[in-house]
N, C-alpha and C. Protein backbone atom coordinates (compact mmCIF):
# COMPACT_ATOMS: atom_id res chain seq x y z
N MET A 1 -17.35 -24.76 22.18
CA MET A 1 -16.02 -24.52 21.64
C MET A 1 -15.96 -25.09 20.23
N THR A 2 -15.45 -24.29 19.30
CA THR A 2 -15.34 -24.76 17.92
C THR A 2 -14.13 -25.65 17.77
N GLN A 3 -14.05 -26.36 16.66
CA GLN A 3 -12.92 -27.24 16.40
C GLN A 3 -11.62 -26.44 16.33
N GLY A 4 -11.65 -25.25 15.74
CA GLY A 4 -10.46 -24.39 15.65
C GLY A 4 -9.98 -23.96 17.02
N GLN A 5 -10.92 -23.66 17.95
CA GLN A 5 -10.53 -23.28 19.30
C GLN A 5 -9.89 -24.46 20.02
N ALA A 6 -10.42 -25.65 19.83
CA ALA A 6 -9.85 -26.83 20.48
C ALA A 6 -8.43 -27.07 19.97
N ALA A 7 -8.21 -26.89 18.69
CA ALA A 7 -6.88 -27.12 18.13
C ALA A 7 -5.86 -26.12 18.68
N ARG A 8 -6.29 -24.86 18.90
CA ARG A 8 -5.36 -23.86 19.43
C ARG A 8 -4.99 -24.15 20.88
N SER A 9 -5.92 -24.69 21.67
CA SER A 9 -5.64 -24.91 23.07
C SER A 9 -4.99 -26.27 23.33
N ASP A 10 -5.04 -27.20 22.41
CA ASP A 10 -4.46 -28.52 22.57
C ASP A 10 -3.13 -28.57 21.81
N PRO A 11 -1.98 -28.59 22.53
CA PRO A 11 -0.69 -28.58 21.84
C PRO A 11 -0.47 -29.80 20.96
N ALA A 12 -1.08 -30.92 21.30
CA ALA A 12 -0.92 -32.11 20.45
C ALA A 12 -1.62 -31.91 19.12
N ALA A 13 -2.69 -31.10 19.10
CA ALA A 13 -3.44 -30.85 17.87
C ALA A 13 -2.79 -29.73 17.05
N ARG A 14 -2.04 -28.83 17.71
CA ARG A 14 -1.41 -27.71 17.00
C ARG A 14 -0.19 -28.22 16.24
N ALA A 15 -0.16 -27.96 14.97
CA ALA A 15 0.95 -28.42 14.14
C ALA A 15 1.56 -27.25 13.39
N ASP A 16 2.86 -27.35 13.19
CA ASP A 16 3.60 -26.38 12.40
C ASP A 16 3.96 -27.03 11.08
N ILE A 17 4.08 -26.22 10.04
CA ILE A 17 4.56 -26.71 8.76
C ILE A 17 6.05 -26.42 8.69
N ILE A 18 6.85 -27.48 8.57
CA ILE A 18 8.30 -27.36 8.53
C ILE A 18 8.78 -27.82 7.15
N THR A 19 9.54 -26.96 6.50
CA THR A 19 10.08 -27.29 5.19
C THR A 19 11.40 -28.03 5.37
N CYS A 20 11.53 -29.15 4.73
CA CYS A 20 12.75 -29.96 4.80
C CYS A 20 13.88 -29.22 4.10
N SER A 21 15.01 -29.09 4.78
CA SER A 21 16.15 -28.40 4.18
C SER A 21 16.86 -29.27 3.15
N ASN A 22 16.52 -30.55 3.08
CA ASN A 22 17.14 -31.45 2.11
C ASN A 22 16.37 -31.51 0.80
N CYS A 23 15.04 -31.71 0.88
CA CYS A 23 14.27 -31.91 -0.35
C CYS A 23 13.16 -30.87 -0.56
N ALA A 24 13.01 -29.93 0.37
CA ALA A 24 12.03 -28.84 0.31
C ALA A 24 10.58 -29.30 0.47
N ALA A 25 10.36 -30.54 0.89
CA ALA A 25 9.00 -31.00 1.15
C ALA A 25 8.46 -30.29 2.39
N ARG A 26 7.17 -30.03 2.38
CA ARG A 26 6.51 -29.40 3.54
C ARG A 26 5.94 -30.51 4.41
N ASN A 27 6.26 -30.43 5.72
CA ASN A 27 5.86 -31.47 6.66
C ASN A 27 5.07 -30.86 7.82
N ARG A 28 4.02 -31.53 8.23
CA ARG A 28 3.22 -31.10 9.38
C ARG A 28 3.77 -31.82 10.61
N VAL A 29 4.19 -31.01 11.62
CA VAL A 29 4.77 -31.56 12.84
C VAL A 29 4.04 -30.96 14.05
N SER A 30 3.56 -31.82 14.93
CA SER A 30 2.91 -31.37 16.15
C SER A 30 3.93 -30.69 17.05
N ALA A 31 3.56 -29.56 17.65
CA ALA A 31 4.46 -28.83 18.54
C ALA A 31 4.84 -29.67 19.75
N ALA A 32 3.98 -30.58 20.17
CA ALA A 32 4.22 -31.38 21.36
C ALA A 32 4.71 -32.79 21.04
N GLN A 33 5.02 -33.06 19.80
CA GLN A 33 5.48 -34.38 19.41
C GLN A 33 6.75 -34.75 20.17
N THR A 34 6.89 -36.01 20.50
CA THR A 34 8.14 -36.48 21.09
C THR A 34 8.95 -37.17 20.01
N GLY A 35 10.21 -37.36 20.27
CA GLY A 35 11.07 -37.99 19.28
C GLY A 35 11.63 -36.96 18.32
N THR A 36 12.14 -37.45 17.22
CA THR A 36 12.77 -36.61 16.22
C THR A 36 11.89 -36.54 14.98
N PRO A 37 11.42 -35.34 14.62
CA PRO A 37 10.60 -35.26 13.40
C PRO A 37 11.46 -35.47 12.15
N ARG A 38 10.95 -36.26 11.25
CA ARG A 38 11.66 -36.55 9.99
C ARG A 38 10.77 -36.21 8.81
N CYS A 39 11.41 -35.89 7.73
CA CYS A 39 10.69 -35.56 6.50
C CYS A 39 9.93 -36.78 6.00
N GLY A 40 8.69 -36.57 5.61
CA GLY A 40 7.87 -37.65 5.09
C GLY A 40 8.33 -38.14 3.73
N ARG A 41 9.08 -37.31 3.00
CA ARG A 41 9.53 -37.69 1.66
C ARG A 41 10.92 -38.33 1.70
N CYS A 42 11.93 -37.63 2.28
CA CYS A 42 13.31 -38.12 2.22
C CYS A 42 13.79 -38.73 3.54
N HIS A 43 13.01 -38.58 4.59
CA HIS A 43 13.27 -39.16 5.91
C HIS A 43 14.47 -38.57 6.65
N LYS A 44 14.94 -37.40 6.21
CA LYS A 44 16.01 -36.69 6.92
C LYS A 44 15.41 -35.97 8.11
N PRO A 45 16.20 -35.76 9.19
CA PRO A 45 15.69 -34.99 10.33
C PRO A 45 15.33 -33.56 9.91
N LEU A 46 14.26 -33.03 10.50
CA LEU A 46 13.78 -31.69 10.17
C LEU A 46 14.34 -30.65 11.14
N PRO A 47 14.60 -29.43 10.66
CA PRO A 47 14.98 -28.34 11.56
C PRO A 47 13.72 -27.86 12.30
N TRP A 48 13.62 -28.19 13.57
CA TRP A 48 12.38 -28.02 14.33
C TRP A 48 12.36 -26.70 15.06
N ILE A 49 11.52 -25.78 14.59
CA ILE A 49 11.29 -24.49 15.26
C ILE A 49 9.79 -24.37 15.47
N THR A 50 9.41 -24.13 16.72
CA THR A 50 8.00 -23.99 17.05
C THR A 50 7.85 -22.90 18.11
N SER A 51 6.69 -22.77 18.68
CA SER A 51 6.46 -21.77 19.72
C SER A 51 5.68 -22.41 20.85
N ALA A 52 5.68 -21.73 21.98
CA ALA A 52 4.93 -22.20 23.15
C ALA A 52 4.50 -20.99 23.96
N GLY A 53 3.51 -21.20 24.80
CA GLY A 53 3.02 -20.16 25.70
C GLY A 53 2.71 -20.77 27.05
N ASP A 54 2.03 -20.02 27.87
CA ASP A 54 1.71 -20.51 29.21
C ASP A 54 0.90 -21.80 29.18
N ASP A 55 -0.04 -21.92 28.25
CA ASP A 55 -0.94 -23.06 28.24
C ASP A 55 -0.33 -24.37 27.74
N ASP A 56 0.70 -24.29 26.90
CA ASP A 56 1.25 -25.52 26.33
C ASP A 56 2.74 -25.72 26.60
N PHE A 57 3.31 -24.91 27.47
CA PHE A 57 4.74 -24.96 27.72
C PHE A 57 5.20 -26.33 28.22
N GLU A 58 4.48 -26.91 29.15
CA GLU A 58 4.88 -28.22 29.71
C GLU A 58 4.97 -29.27 28.61
N GLU A 59 3.95 -29.35 27.75
CA GLU A 59 3.93 -30.36 26.70
C GLU A 59 4.99 -30.10 25.63
N VAL A 60 5.18 -28.84 25.27
CA VAL A 60 6.09 -28.51 24.16
C VAL A 60 7.55 -28.49 24.60
N VAL A 61 7.83 -27.99 25.80
CA VAL A 61 9.22 -27.82 26.23
C VAL A 61 9.65 -28.84 27.28
N THR A 62 8.98 -28.85 28.41
CA THR A 62 9.43 -29.68 29.53
C THR A 62 9.41 -31.17 29.20
N ARG A 63 8.42 -31.61 28.45
CA ARG A 63 8.31 -33.04 28.11
C ARG A 63 9.00 -33.41 26.80
N SER A 64 9.73 -32.50 26.21
CA SER A 64 10.42 -32.79 24.95
C SER A 64 11.49 -33.84 25.16
N SER A 65 11.56 -34.78 24.24
CA SER A 65 12.61 -35.80 24.31
C SER A 65 13.95 -35.28 23.78
N LEU A 66 13.91 -34.16 23.09
CA LEU A 66 15.13 -33.52 22.59
C LEU A 66 15.49 -32.33 23.47
N PRO A 67 16.76 -31.96 23.53
CA PRO A 67 17.11 -30.70 24.20
C PRO A 67 16.40 -29.55 23.48
N VAL A 68 16.03 -28.52 24.25
CA VAL A 68 15.27 -27.40 23.71
C VAL A 68 16.09 -26.12 23.81
N LEU A 69 16.22 -25.42 22.69
CA LEU A 69 16.76 -24.07 22.69
C LEU A 69 15.57 -23.15 22.86
N LEU A 70 15.44 -22.58 24.05
CA LEU A 70 14.30 -21.74 24.40
C LEU A 70 14.66 -20.29 24.16
N ASP A 71 13.95 -19.64 23.25
CA ASP A 71 14.18 -18.25 22.88
C ASP A 71 13.09 -17.39 23.50
N MET A 72 13.44 -16.66 24.57
CA MET A 72 12.51 -15.75 25.23
C MET A 72 12.64 -14.41 24.52
N TRP A 73 11.56 -13.91 23.91
CA TRP A 73 11.61 -12.74 23.05
C TRP A 73 10.32 -11.93 23.17
N ALA A 74 10.28 -10.81 22.48
CA ALA A 74 9.07 -10.00 22.35
C ALA A 74 9.09 -9.32 20.98
N PRO A 75 7.93 -9.07 20.39
CA PRO A 75 7.88 -8.49 19.05
C PRO A 75 8.46 -7.07 18.98
N TRP A 76 8.43 -6.33 20.06
CA TRP A 76 8.93 -4.95 20.07
C TRP A 76 10.44 -4.88 20.32
N CYS A 77 11.08 -6.00 20.60
CA CYS A 77 12.49 -6.05 21.00
C CYS A 77 13.41 -6.14 19.79
N ALA A 78 14.11 -5.03 19.49
CA ALA A 78 15.04 -5.02 18.34
C ALA A 78 16.18 -6.02 18.51
N PRO A 79 16.82 -6.14 19.68
CA PRO A 79 17.88 -7.15 19.83
C PRO A 79 17.38 -8.58 19.61
N CYS A 80 16.10 -8.82 19.87
CA CYS A 80 15.55 -10.16 19.63
C CYS A 80 15.59 -10.52 18.15
N ARG A 81 15.45 -9.51 17.30
CA ARG A 81 15.52 -9.75 15.85
C ARG A 81 16.94 -10.09 15.42
N ILE A 82 17.94 -9.62 16.17
CA ILE A 82 19.34 -9.95 15.88
C ILE A 82 19.59 -11.43 16.17
N VAL A 83 18.95 -11.95 17.21
CA VAL A 83 19.15 -13.33 17.65
C VAL A 83 18.44 -14.33 16.75
N GLU A 84 17.33 -13.93 16.15
CA GLU A 84 16.49 -14.86 15.38
C GLU A 84 17.23 -15.66 14.31
N PRO A 85 18.10 -15.05 13.48
CA PRO A 85 18.81 -15.87 12.49
C PRO A 85 19.71 -16.93 13.12
N GLY A 86 20.27 -16.63 14.29
CA GLY A 86 21.10 -17.62 14.98
C GLY A 86 20.29 -18.79 15.50
N VAL A 87 19.08 -18.51 15.98
CA VAL A 87 18.19 -19.58 16.44
C VAL A 87 17.83 -20.48 15.26
N GLU A 88 17.50 -19.86 14.14
CA GLU A 88 17.17 -20.64 12.94
C GLU A 88 18.36 -21.46 12.47
N ARG A 89 19.54 -20.88 12.51
CA ARG A 89 20.75 -21.59 12.10
C ARG A 89 21.04 -22.76 13.03
N ALA A 90 20.86 -22.57 14.34
CA ALA A 90 21.07 -23.66 15.29
C ALA A 90 20.10 -24.81 15.02
N ALA A 91 18.84 -24.47 14.73
CA ALA A 91 17.85 -25.50 14.42
C ALA A 91 18.22 -26.25 13.14
N GLN A 92 18.73 -25.55 12.15
CA GLN A 92 19.16 -26.19 10.90
C GLN A 92 20.38 -27.08 11.13
N THR A 93 21.38 -26.52 11.82
CA THR A 93 22.64 -27.23 12.05
C THR A 93 22.43 -28.49 12.89
N HIS A 94 21.55 -28.39 13.87
CA HIS A 94 21.33 -29.50 14.79
C HIS A 94 19.98 -30.18 14.57
N ALA A 95 19.53 -30.22 13.32
CA ALA A 95 18.26 -30.89 12.98
C ALA A 95 18.32 -32.33 13.47
N GLY A 96 17.28 -32.73 14.19
CA GLY A 96 17.22 -34.09 14.73
C GLY A 96 17.83 -34.22 16.11
N ARG A 97 18.56 -33.19 16.56
CA ARG A 97 19.19 -33.24 17.88
C ARG A 97 18.76 -32.08 18.78
N LEU A 98 17.96 -31.15 18.24
CA LEU A 98 17.59 -29.94 18.97
C LEU A 98 16.22 -29.47 18.52
N LYS A 99 15.45 -28.97 19.47
CA LYS A 99 14.14 -28.37 19.18
C LYS A 99 14.24 -26.91 19.61
N ALA A 100 13.97 -25.98 18.73
CA ALA A 100 13.99 -24.55 19.05
C ALA A 100 12.55 -24.11 19.33
N VAL A 101 12.35 -23.46 20.47
CA VAL A 101 11.00 -23.03 20.87
C VAL A 101 11.05 -21.55 21.23
N LYS A 102 10.21 -20.77 20.57
CA LYS A 102 10.11 -19.34 20.82
C LYS A 102 8.96 -19.07 21.79
N VAL A 103 9.24 -18.27 22.82
CA VAL A 103 8.22 -17.89 23.79
C VAL A 103 8.16 -16.37 23.85
N ASN A 104 7.01 -15.81 23.48
CA ASN A 104 6.79 -14.37 23.55
C ASN A 104 6.52 -14.01 25.01
N VAL A 105 7.43 -13.26 25.63
CA VAL A 105 7.30 -12.95 27.06
C VAL A 105 6.07 -12.09 27.36
N ASP A 106 5.59 -11.35 26.39
CA ASP A 106 4.41 -10.52 26.60
C ASP A 106 3.13 -11.35 26.73
N THR A 107 3.07 -12.48 26.07
CA THR A 107 1.86 -13.30 26.09
C THR A 107 2.02 -14.55 26.95
N ALA A 108 3.18 -14.74 27.55
CA ALA A 108 3.43 -15.91 28.41
C ALA A 108 4.05 -15.46 29.74
N PRO A 109 3.28 -14.75 30.57
CA PRO A 109 3.85 -14.22 31.81
C PRO A 109 4.28 -15.30 32.81
N ARG A 110 3.60 -16.44 32.84
CA ARG A 110 4.00 -17.51 33.78
C ARG A 110 5.34 -18.11 33.39
N VAL A 111 5.56 -18.33 32.11
CA VAL A 111 6.86 -18.85 31.65
C VAL A 111 7.94 -17.82 31.92
N SER A 112 7.65 -16.56 31.65
CA SER A 112 8.61 -15.48 31.90
C SER A 112 9.01 -15.43 33.37
N GLU A 113 8.03 -15.56 34.23
CA GLU A 113 8.30 -15.55 35.68
C GLU A 113 9.08 -16.79 36.10
N ARG A 114 8.74 -17.93 35.55
CA ARG A 114 9.41 -19.20 35.89
C ARG A 114 10.92 -19.11 35.65
N TYR A 115 11.32 -18.45 34.56
CA TYR A 115 12.74 -18.35 34.22
C TYR A 115 13.32 -16.97 34.52
N ALA A 116 12.57 -16.14 35.24
CA ALA A 116 13.03 -14.80 35.63
C ALA A 116 13.55 -14.03 34.41
N ALA A 117 12.74 -14.00 33.36
CA ALA A 117 13.11 -13.31 32.12
C ALA A 117 12.92 -11.81 32.30
N ARG A 118 13.90 -11.18 32.91
CA ARG A 118 13.85 -9.73 33.17
C ARG A 118 14.51 -8.93 32.05
N SER A 119 15.34 -9.61 31.28
CA SER A 119 16.04 -8.97 30.17
C SER A 119 15.96 -9.91 28.98
N ILE A 120 15.60 -9.36 27.84
CA ILE A 120 15.50 -10.18 26.62
C ILE A 120 16.34 -9.54 25.53
N PRO A 121 16.79 -10.31 24.58
CA PRO A 121 16.55 -11.73 24.41
C PRO A 121 17.29 -12.55 25.47
N MET A 122 16.64 -13.62 25.86
CA MET A 122 17.24 -14.58 26.78
C MET A 122 17.07 -15.96 26.16
N LEU A 123 18.17 -16.65 26.03
CA LEU A 123 18.17 -17.99 25.45
C LEU A 123 18.55 -18.99 26.53
N LEU A 124 17.82 -20.08 26.59
CA LEU A 124 18.11 -21.13 27.55
C LEU A 124 18.22 -22.45 26.80
N LEU A 125 19.12 -23.30 27.24
CA LEU A 125 19.14 -24.67 26.75
C LEU A 125 18.52 -25.51 27.85
N VAL A 126 17.39 -26.15 27.55
CA VAL A 126 16.63 -26.91 28.53
C VAL A 126 16.64 -28.38 28.12
N ARG A 127 16.99 -29.23 29.08
CA ARG A 127 16.98 -30.68 28.84
C ARG A 127 16.21 -31.33 29.98
N ASN A 128 15.18 -32.09 29.66
CA ASN A 128 14.34 -32.75 30.67
C ASN A 128 13.83 -31.77 31.72
N GLY A 129 13.47 -30.57 31.29
CA GLY A 129 12.92 -29.56 32.18
C GLY A 129 13.94 -28.77 32.97
N GLU A 130 15.22 -29.10 32.87
CA GLU A 130 16.28 -28.41 33.61
C GLU A 130 17.07 -27.50 32.69
N VAL A 131 17.39 -26.30 33.18
CA VAL A 131 18.20 -25.36 32.42
C VAL A 131 19.65 -25.82 32.46
N LYS A 132 20.24 -26.03 31.28
CA LYS A 132 21.62 -26.48 31.17
C LYS A 132 22.56 -25.38 30.68
N GLY A 133 21.98 -24.29 30.17
CA GLY A 133 22.78 -23.17 29.70
C GLY A 133 21.91 -21.94 29.57
N LYS A 134 22.54 -20.75 29.72
CA LYS A 134 21.78 -19.50 29.65
C LYS A 134 22.63 -18.44 28.95
N GLN A 135 22.00 -17.71 28.02
CA GLN A 135 22.64 -16.63 27.30
C GLN A 135 21.67 -15.45 27.30
N VAL A 136 22.09 -14.33 27.89
CA VAL A 136 21.24 -13.14 27.93
C VAL A 136 21.87 -12.07 27.04
N GLY A 137 21.05 -11.45 26.22
CA GLY A 137 21.52 -10.39 25.34
C GLY A 137 21.70 -10.89 23.92
N ALA A 138 21.77 -9.93 23.02
CA ALA A 138 21.87 -10.24 21.60
C ALA A 138 23.29 -10.68 21.24
N VAL A 139 23.36 -11.77 20.51
CA VAL A 139 24.63 -12.25 19.96
C VAL A 139 24.38 -12.63 18.51
N GLY A 140 25.40 -12.54 17.70
CA GLY A 140 25.28 -12.91 16.30
C GLY A 140 25.17 -14.41 16.11
N PRO A 141 24.84 -14.84 14.91
CA PRO A 141 24.64 -16.26 14.63
C PRO A 141 25.85 -17.15 14.96
N ASP A 142 27.06 -16.70 14.64
CA ASP A 142 28.24 -17.53 14.91
C ASP A 142 28.43 -17.76 16.40
N LYS A 143 28.35 -16.69 17.18
CA LYS A 143 28.53 -16.81 18.63
C LYS A 143 27.40 -17.62 19.25
N LEU A 144 26.19 -17.43 18.77
CA LEU A 144 25.05 -18.19 19.28
C LEU A 144 25.23 -19.67 19.00
N LEU A 145 25.65 -20.01 17.79
CA LEU A 145 25.86 -21.41 17.44
C LEU A 145 26.95 -22.03 18.31
N SER A 146 28.02 -21.30 18.56
CA SER A 146 29.09 -21.79 19.45
C SER A 146 28.54 -22.05 20.85
N TRP A 147 27.73 -21.11 21.35
CA TRP A 147 27.15 -21.27 22.68
C TRP A 147 26.23 -22.50 22.72
N VAL A 148 25.40 -22.69 21.70
CA VAL A 148 24.51 -23.85 21.65
C VAL A 148 25.32 -25.13 21.65
N GLU A 149 26.37 -25.19 20.85
CA GLU A 149 27.17 -26.40 20.76
C GLU A 149 27.85 -26.72 22.10
N SER A 150 28.39 -25.71 22.77
CA SER A 150 29.02 -25.98 24.07
C SER A 150 27.98 -26.36 25.12
N SER A 151 26.79 -25.75 25.07
CA SER A 151 25.73 -26.08 26.01
C SER A 151 25.20 -27.50 25.76
N LEU A 152 25.07 -27.89 24.50
CA LEU A 152 24.64 -29.25 24.18
C LEU A 152 25.65 -30.27 24.67
N ALA A 153 26.94 -29.96 24.51
CA ALA A 153 27.98 -30.89 24.96
C ALA A 153 27.94 -31.05 26.47
N ALA A 154 27.63 -29.97 27.19
CA ALA A 154 27.57 -30.02 28.65
C ALA A 154 26.29 -30.67 29.15
N ALA A 155 25.24 -30.66 28.32
CA ALA A 155 23.95 -31.22 28.74
C ALA A 155 24.00 -32.73 28.62
């Protein structure tokens, strides 16, 4: 196994580059990191958006110390593209208090089955491995943000 293959299969080794919305610094954040990622330059919380699949779902989502906005989507799904700006806005608005994780249902059949993702887009708010809120179908950014805020308050 090459070093690149090991990095892809190990969620702790897989890192995303997140641009700080405060100072525009680029930060490397492990998808499976616990705690709140902060900018290395200005130390503000980062808007955390990452992805997960069958192999790293437990480390990235279930073991997250932050509540997770789980976006179940597929590349061919037009309504999923409607939801994407709302997911990004929720991650920006709740930087430091929320982790947004995208799961492609086509490449993660076990995760899809676990949450009975029969219709997409499907958004779940997951805290400590438990579903605290569910939204099925496309909604605009304002409605999505309202749903996230009410789900976070209930979680």
